Amino acid sequence: MSDFSKNRLVGLDIARSIAILAVVLAHTRYLLDAPGRYEFLSLSGKIGVELFFVLSGFLIGSILLRSFEESLSFRMLVRFWSRRWLRTLPAYFAVLIFIWLVFDRFDLLYFLFLQDLVVGDWDLLPVSWSLVIEEWFYLLFAPLCLILMRYSLRWGFLAASVLLLLSGVVLLSGDYAACADADRPLKCFENDIRKFTFRFTSLGLGTTLAWVNYYHNLPRLLEGRRLLLLVTTLLVHAFMFWFCGSVVLDYPGVVNPTLGFLFFYPVMGFASLLLIMLLYVWQPRLSPWVAAPVSFVSLTSYSNYLWHLLINEQMRGVEMNQYLLVLLFLIATLIVSAVSYLLVEKPFMGLRNRFFP
């Protein structure tokens, strides 16, 4: 959910566009006459969010590696936090303030990213669960890197990434079996595992990939192996759809429930990792008429993510052709996300680059 640099990388723009479109597509089912028949779309949203996490870990990890190699200092840590918060908080706060002013609903915990740790309530802004994970990742991972990189500049970051990768599995180790035996296992899995504040596994995969790229140069490392990477990516994605689909759509299905819950997000994260590697190494050349919409969707993806479900909720129950309603929802989401990007995100990114270049 970050801009990598002024020289945009087409492959990463494509990855970000795939992620946001997958999430938005998943929520279109709420506008259809029989949402239950389209439950398979829910898998799309889960995949999209994990792709966002891995991509974010890759981008943020790359930024931290460059920053801390330049200066391994608390000042650089504060600079990193300042740039991150000027990038992510204004648009998020704008949505919360809008909900407060228009719907008269306010909760201070949402402003502090404590809604899961304190009450486990996502009703005010349902998509905020992933933003909570993201913000706590910024808050905890950067100082962990600063500490460990003082012992070894090169290996300290990798150690921090491995700890990040393992943290989600270790902290949730008792919950996988508990949810498998619960009265409503999928609801337990959705709330207690998926939305757990410190579920950092996919982010850890991304930061590990950032380390590999920083020290070994992915394009050079995989030179001559693109076809192998493409075939591997396709096979892993085919397995992911079978495995994760069995857990979500055919519970308990053909997968042991405890194992299904345990490997559900790691499998999605690994598939996302391969896709990002493929697109980063490949960097496809797009014609201008294709590159322009891809860049637009990528640039506005954060605002799109913040606003789309709120727009979706307001359009439910509108009496019109269901497919026309979906089309109007998509158009409205694109317009609102563009306005949010231009009026909120872009000005604050300008301030960020001015005060923390």
Protein backbone atom coordinates (compact mmCIF):
# COMPACT_ATOMS: atom_id res chain seq x y z
CA MET A 1 0.00 0.00 0.00
CA SER A 2 2.95 2.25 -0.53
CA ASP A 3 4.50 4.20 -3.38
CA PHE A 4 7.87 2.54 -4.05
CA SER A 5 9.55 5.51 -5.68
CA LYS A 6 8.93 8.26 -8.17
CA ASN A 7 10.06 5.84 -10.88
CA ARG A 8 7.09 3.51 -10.63
CA LEU A 9 7.67 -0.19 -11.08
CA VAL A 10 5.03 -1.55 -13.44
CA GLY A 11 5.18 -5.06 -12.03
CA LEU A 12 4.42 -3.87 -8.50
CA ASP A 13 1.65 -1.60 -9.79
CA ILE A 14 0.09 -4.67 -11.40
CA ALA A 15 0.38 -6.62 -8.12
CA ARG A 16 -1.25 -3.81 -6.16
CA SER A 17 -4.02 -3.47 -8.74
CA ILE A 18 -4.72 -7.22 -8.62
CA ALA A 19 -4.92 -7.04 -4.83
CA ILE A 20 -7.44 -4.19 -4.62
CA LEU A 21 -9.59 -5.53 -7.47
CA ALA A 22 -9.72 -8.94 -5.75
CA VAL A 23 -10.91 -7.32 -2.51
CA VAL A 24 -13.54 -5.14 -4.19
CA LEU A 25 -14.77 -8.07 -6.30
CA ALA A 26 -15.27 -10.13 -3.14
CA HIS A 27 -17.58 -7.51 -1.65
CA THR A 28 -19.74 -7.13 -4.76
CA ARG A 29 -21.55 -10.29 -3.65
CA TYR A 30 -23.36 -8.27 -0.98
CA LEU A 31 -25.14 -6.34 -3.76
CA LEU A 32 -26.47 -9.45 -5.49
CA ASP A 33 -29.89 -10.97 -4.90
CA ALA A 34 -28.56 -14.16 -3.34
CA PRO A 35 -25.13 -13.39 -1.78
CA GLY A 36 -24.80 -16.93 -0.46
CA ARG A 37 -24.57 -18.31 -3.99
CA TYR A 38 -21.49 -16.15 -4.57
CA GLU A 39 -19.66 -17.14 -1.39
CA PHE A 40 -16.75 -18.33 -3.54
CA LEU A 41 -15.92 -14.65 -4.11
CA SER A 42 -14.96 -14.35 -0.43
CA LEU A 43 -11.80 -16.29 -1.25
CA SER A 44 -10.84 -13.52 -3.68
CA GLY A 45 -10.93 -10.92 -0.90
CA LYS A 46 -8.77 -13.01 1.44
CA ILE A 47 -6.19 -13.57 -1.30
CA GLY A 48 -6.18 -9.86 -2.14
CA VAL A 49 -5.45 -8.82 1.45
CA GLU A 50 -2.60 -11.33 1.80
CA LEU A 51 -1.14 -10.04 -1.46
CA PHE A 52 -1.28 -6.54 0.03
CA PHE A 53 0.52 -7.75 3.16
CA VAL A 54 3.35 -9.47 1.28
CA LEU A 55 3.73 -6.49 -1.05
CA SER A 56 3.77 -4.10 1.90
CA GLY A 57 6.42 -6.19 3.66
CA PHE A 58 8.54 -6.17 0.51
CA LEU A 59 8.25 -2.40 0.03
CA ILE A 60 8.66 -1.43 3.69
CA GLY A 61 11.50 -3.90 4.13
CA SER A 62 13.29 -2.36 1.15
CA ILE A 63 12.84 1.12 2.61
CA LEU A 64 14.15 0.06 6.04
CA LEU A 65 17.20 -1.67 4.56
CA ARG A 66 18.15 1.46 2.63
CA SER A 67 17.42 3.75 5.57
CA PHE A 68 19.29 1.81 8.26
CA GLU A 69 22.30 1.17 6.04
CA GLU A 70 22.46 4.93 5.59
CA SER A 71 22.17 5.63 9.33
CA LEU A 72 21.50 3.08 12.05
CA SER A 73 20.01 5.62 14.44
CA PHE A 74 16.89 6.50 16.41
CA ARG A 75 16.62 9.62 14.25
CA MET A 76 16.24 7.44 11.15
CA LEU A 77 13.60 5.38 12.97
CA VAL A 78 11.57 8.50 13.77
CA ARG A 79 11.95 9.61 10.15
CA PHE A 80 10.62 6.25 8.96
CA TRP A 81 7.63 6.42 11.30
CA SER A 82 6.89 10.02 10.31
CA ARG A 83 6.89 9.18 6.60
CA ARG A 84 4.72 6.09 7.15
CA TRP A 85 2.17 7.90 9.28
CA LEU A 86 1.91 10.86 6.91
CA ARG A 87 1.28 8.30 4.17
CA THR A 88 -1.33 6.15 5.94
CA LEU A 89 -3.02 8.06 8.76
CA PRO A 90 -4.58 11.11 6.99
CA ALA A 91 -6.75 9.09 4.59
CA TYR A 92 -7.73 6.65 7.36
CA PHE A 93 -8.61 9.45 9.78
CA ALA A 94 -10.58 11.20 7.02
CA VAL A 95 -12.85 8.14 6.70
CA LEU A 96 -13.32 7.94 10.48
CA ILE A 97 -14.18 11.64 10.67
CA PHE A 98 -16.60 11.27 7.77
CA ILE A 99 -18.36 8.39 9.60
CA TRP A 100 -18.46 10.52 12.76
CA LEU A 101 -19.95 13.59 11.02
CA VAL A 102 -22.36 11.82 8.67
CA PHE A 103 -23.48 8.78 10.68
CA ASP A 104 -22.80 10.10 14.20
CA ARG A 105 -20.66 7.07 15.06
CA PHE A 106 -17.39 7.58 16.89
CA ASP A 107 -14.92 5.33 18.69
CA LEU A 108 -11.56 6.62 19.92
CA LEU A 109 -10.09 3.12 19.83
CA TYR A 110 -10.17 3.20 16.04
CA PHE A 111 -7.94 6.27 16.01
CA LEU A 112 -5.44 4.44 18.22
CA PHE A 113 -5.61 1.09 16.34
CA LEU A 114 -6.76 -0.66 19.50
CA GLN A 115 -10.16 -1.90 18.32
CA ASP A 116 -9.01 -5.53 18.25
CA LEU A 117 -6.84 -5.53 21.37
CA VAL A 118 -9.48 -3.88 23.55
CA VAL A 119 -12.92 -4.90 22.30
CA GLY A 120 -12.51 -6.96 19.10
CA ASP A 121 -15.13 -4.81 17.36
CA TRP A 122 -14.91 -3.97 13.64
CA ASP A 123 -18.45 -2.66 13.05
CA LEU A 124 -17.50 1.01 12.71
CA LEU A 125 -15.07 0.41 9.83
CA PRO A 126 -14.85 -3.32 8.96
CA VAL A 127 -11.80 -3.03 6.68
CA SER A 128 -9.75 -1.46 9.47
CA TRP A 129 -8.66 -4.84 10.83
CA SER A 130 -5.93 -5.11 8.19
CA LEU A 131 -4.84 -1.52 8.79
CA VAL A 132 -4.38 -2.36 12.48
CA ILE A 133 -2.03 -5.20 11.53
CA GLU A 134 -0.18 -2.90 9.14
CA GLU A 135 0.29 -0.06 11.63
CA TRP A 136 1.49 -2.36 14.41
CA PHE A 137 3.91 -3.85 11.89
CA TYR A 138 5.37 -0.37 11.33
CA LEU A 139 5.50 0.29 15.05
CA LEU A 140 7.18 -2.97 16.10
CA PHE A 141 9.26 -4.21 13.17
CA ALA A 142 11.33 -1.07 12.57
CA PRO A 143 12.75 -0.84 16.14
CA LEU A 144 13.33 -4.61 16.12
CA CYS A 145 15.43 -4.16 12.98
CA LEU A 146 17.28 -1.23 14.58
CA ILE A 147 18.21 -3.35 17.61
CA LEU A 148 19.23 -6.51 15.73
CA MET A 149 21.07 -4.67 12.95
CA ARG A 150 23.36 -3.12 15.57
CA TYR A 151 24.77 -6.62 16.09
CA SER A 152 24.93 -7.43 12.39
CA LEU A 153 23.93 -4.97 9.69
CA ARG A 154 23.30 -7.70 7.14
CA TRP A 155 21.98 -10.61 9.20
CA GLY A 156 20.10 -8.60 11.81
CA PHE A 157 17.39 -7.63 9.33
CA LEU A 158 16.97 -11.24 8.21
CA ALA A 159 16.69 -12.36 11.84
CA ALA A 160 14.00 -9.72 12.44
CA SER A 161 12.12 -10.93 9.35
CA VAL A 162 12.22 -14.56 10.49
CA LEU A 163 10.92 -13.56 13.93
CA LEU A 164 8.16 -11.58 12.23
CA LEU A 165 7.30 -14.50 9.98
CA LEU A 166 7.06 -16.95 12.88
CA SER A 167 5.30 -14.61 15.31
CA GLY A 168 1.81 -15.03 13.89
CA VAL A 169 2.00 -18.83 13.94
CA VAL A 170 3.48 -18.99 17.46
CA LEU A 171 1.13 -16.44 19.04
CA LEU A 172 -1.90 -18.16 17.50
CA SER A 173 -0.73 -21.74 18.03
CA GLY A 174 -3.51 -22.57 20.48
CA ASP A 175 -6.25 -20.89 18.47
CA TYR A 176 -6.06 -23.08 15.37
CA ALA A 177 -7.25 -26.23 17.14
CA ALA A 178 -9.70 -24.22 19.27
CA CYS A 179 -11.39 -22.77 16.20
CA ALA A 180 -11.49 -26.18 14.52
CA ASP A 181 -13.48 -27.50 17.50
CA ALA A 182 -15.69 -24.42 17.95
CA ASP A 183 -19.45 -24.43 17.32
CA ARG A 184 -18.96 -22.00 14.43
CA PRO A 185 -15.39 -22.74 13.28
CA LEU A 186 -15.29 -20.45 10.27
CA LYS A 187 -16.60 -17.47 12.26
CA CYS A 188 -14.02 -18.18 14.96
CA PHE A 189 -11.31 -18.43 12.29
CA GLU A 190 -12.43 -15.17 10.67
CA ASN A 191 -12.44 -13.13 13.89
CA ASP A 192 -9.89 -14.72 16.21
CA ILE A 193 -7.23 -15.71 13.69
CA ARG A 194 -7.59 -13.67 10.51
CA LYS A 195 -8.03 -10.35 12.30
CA PHE A 196 -5.50 -10.94 15.07
CA THR A 197 -3.46 -7.73 15.51
CA PHE A 198 -0.09 -9.48 15.40
CA ARG A 199 -0.70 -11.85 12.47
CA PHE A 200 2.51 -10.81 10.74
CA THR A 201 3.34 -13.97 8.76
CA SER A 202 2.66 -12.61 5.27
CA LEU A 203 4.39 -9.33 6.11
CA GLY A 204 7.40 -11.39 7.25
CA LEU A 205 7.46 -13.19 3.92
CA GLY A 206 7.57 -9.80 2.22
CA THR A 207 10.41 -8.43 4.37
CA THR A 208 12.39 -11.65 3.80
CA LEU A 209 11.97 -11.17 0.05
CA ALA A 210 13.17 -7.57 0.46
CA TRP A 211 16.35 -8.85 2.14
CA VAL A 212 16.97 -11.36 -0.66
CA ASN A 213 16.46 -8.67 -3.29
CA TYR A 214 18.63 -6.10 -1.47
CA TYR A 215 21.64 -8.38 -1.04
CA HIS A 216 21.27 -10.76 -3.99
CA ASN A 217 19.34 -8.75 -6.63
CA LEU A 218 16.27 -10.76 -7.63
CA PRO A 219 16.38 -9.95 -11.37
CA ARG A 220 19.99 -11.13 -11.57
CA LEU A 221 19.39 -14.09 -9.25
CA LEU A 222 16.50 -15.33 -11.38
CA GLU A 223 17.96 -14.45 -14.76
CA GLY A 224 17.18 -17.26 -17.16
CA ARG A 225 14.69 -18.79 -14.72
CA ARG A 226 11.58 -16.76 -15.50
CA LEU A 227 9.78 -19.64 -17.21
CA LEU A 228 10.45 -21.87 -14.20
CA LEU A 229 9.20 -19.11 -11.89
CA LEU A 230 6.06 -18.67 -14.02
CA VAL A 231 5.25 -22.40 -14.00
CA THR A 232 5.91 -22.63 -10.25
CA THR A 233 3.69 -19.61 -9.58
CA LEU A 234 0.82 -21.10 -11.60
CA LEU A 235 1.10 -24.50 -9.88
CA VAL A 236 1.24 -22.98 -6.39
CA HIS A 237 -1.76 -20.76 -7.15
CA ALA A 238 -3.71 -23.79 -8.40
CA PHE A 239 -2.91 -25.59 -5.14
CA MET A 240 -3.83 -22.47 -3.14
CA PHE A 241 -7.28 -22.23 -4.72
CA TRP A 242 -7.92 -25.93 -4.05
CA PHE A 243 -6.57 -25.94 -0.50
CA CYS A 244 -7.96 -22.62 0.71
CA GLY A 245 -11.23 -23.12 -1.17
CA SER A 246 -11.70 -26.42 0.64
CA VAL A 247 -11.28 -24.67 4.00
CA VAL A 248 -13.60 -21.74 3.26
CA LEU A 249 -16.23 -23.17 0.94
CA ASP A 250 -16.46 -26.84 1.87
CA TYR A 251 -15.70 -26.88 5.59
CA PRO A 252 -14.42 -29.27 6.83
CA GLY A 253 -13.98 -30.47 3.26
CA VAL A 254 -11.05 -32.67 2.29
CA VAL A 255 -8.60 -30.81 4.53
CA ASN A 256 -8.16 -31.53 8.23
CA PRO A 257 -9.68 -28.47 9.96
CA THR A 258 -6.74 -27.77 12.28
CA LEU A 259 -4.18 -28.15 9.49
CA GLY A 260 -6.41 -26.12 7.18
CA PHE A 261 -6.52 -23.20 9.59
CA LEU A 262 -2.80 -23.50 10.38
CA PHE A 263 -1.62 -23.37 6.75
CA PHE A 264 -4.41 -21.26 5.24
CA TYR A 265 -2.62 -17.90 5.33
CA PRO A 266 0.94 -19.22 4.93
CA VAL A 267 -0.17 -20.89 1.67
CA MET A 268 -1.77 -17.63 0.49
CA GLY A 269 1.30 -15.68 1.57
CA PHE A 270 3.69 -18.00 -0.29
CA ALA A 271 1.56 -17.82 -3.46
CA SER A 272 1.54 -14.02 -3.16
CA LEU A 273 5.31 -14.03 -2.69
CA LEU A 274 5.81 -15.95 -5.94
CA LEU A 275 3.47 -13.62 -7.83
CA ILE A 276 5.34 -10.54 -6.58
CA MET A 277 8.68 -12.13 -7.48
CA LEU A 278 7.40 -12.91 -10.98
CA LEU A 279 6.05 -9.41 -11.60
CA TYR A 280 9.08 -7.70 -10.06
CA VAL A 281 11.55 -9.71 -12.13
CA TRP A 282 9.46 -9.60 -15.28
CA GLN A 283 8.49 -5.89 -15.19
CA PRO A 284 6.19 -6.22 -18.25
CA ARG A 285 6.05 -3.42 -20.76
CA LEU A 286 2.50 -2.12 -21.05
CA SER A 287 1.10 0.06 -23.79
CA PRO A 288 0.06 3.53 -22.53
CA TRP A 289 -3.67 2.75 -22.73
CA VAL A 290 -3.12 -0.24 -20.41
CA ALA A 291 -0.47 1.34 -18.19
CA ALA A 292 -2.63 4.40 -17.41
CA PRO A 293 -5.57 2.53 -15.79
CA VAL A 294 -3.18 0.15 -14.00
CA SER A 295 -1.29 3.11 -12.56
CA PHE A 296 -4.56 4.80 -11.58
CA VAL A 297 -5.91 1.73 -9.78
CA SER A 298 -2.55 1.24 -8.06
CA LEU A 299 -2.21 4.87 -6.94
CA THR A 300 -5.74 5.01 -5.56
CA SER A 301 -5.76 1.50 -4.09
CA TYR A 302 -5.39 2.66 -0.48
CA SER A 303 -8.29 5.11 -0.69
CA ASN A 304 -10.25 2.50 -2.62
CA TYR A 305 -9.70 -0.01 0.17
CA LEU A 306 -10.77 2.48 2.84
CA TRP A 307 -13.97 3.65 1.14
CA HIS A 308 -15.29 0.81 -1.00
CA LEU A 309 -17.08 -1.19 1.71
CA LEU A 310 -18.69 1.95 3.15
CA ILE A 311 -20.06 2.74 -0.31
CA ASN A 312 -21.13 -0.87 -0.69
CA GLU A 313 -23.10 -0.78 2.58
CA GLN A 314 -25.01 2.32 1.50
CA MET A 315 -26.00 0.77 -1.83
CA ARG A 316 -27.36 -2.50 -0.45
CA GLY A 317 -31.08 -2.86 -0.84
CA VAL A 318 -31.35 -0.33 -3.70
CA GLU A 319 -34.08 -1.48 -6.07
CA MET A 320 -32.58 -1.92 -9.54
CA ASN A 321 -31.02 -4.56 -11.74
CA GLN A 322 -28.39 -6.27 -9.58
CA TYR A 323 -25.68 -6.20 -12.24
CA LEU A 324 -26.29 -2.53 -12.94
CA LEU A 325 -26.03 -1.93 -9.20
CA VAL A 326 -22.64 -3.67 -9.13
CA LEU A 327 -21.49 -1.52 -12.06
CA LEU A 328 -22.61 1.68 -10.30
CA PHE A 329 -20.82 0.54 -7.15
CA LEU A 330 -17.57 0.03 -9.06
CA ILE A 331 -17.85 3.44 -10.74
CA ALA A 332 -18.69 5.20 -7.47
CA THR A 333 -15.75 3.51 -5.72
CA LEU A 334 -13.32 4.59 -8.44
CA ILE A 335 -14.57 8.19 -8.26
CA VAL A 336 -14.50 8.44 -4.47
CA SER A 337 -11.06 6.85 -4.23
CA ALA A 338 -9.71 9.28 -6.84
CA VAL A 339 -11.15 12.26 -4.92
CA SER A 340 -9.72 10.93 -1.65
CA TYR A 341 -6.32 10.44 -3.25
CA LEU A 342 -6.25 13.94 -4.73
CA LEU A 343 -7.65 15.81 -1.72
CA VAL A 344 -6.10 13.86 1.15
CA GLU A 345 -3.37 11.41 0.22
CA LYS A 346 -1.46 13.47 -2.33
CA PRO A 347 -1.24 16.72 -0.28
CA PHE A 348 0.00 14.86 2.79
CA MET A 349 2.54 12.95 0.70
CA GLY A 350 3.73 16.35 -0.48
CA LEU A 351 4.16 17.45 3.14
CA ARG A 352 5.93 14.18 3.91
CA ASN A 353 8.42 14.68 1.11
CA ARG A 354 8.95 18.31 2.11
CA PHE A 355 9.62 17.74 5.82
CA PHE A 356 11.04 14.20 5.69
CA PRO A 357 12.68 13.89 2.27
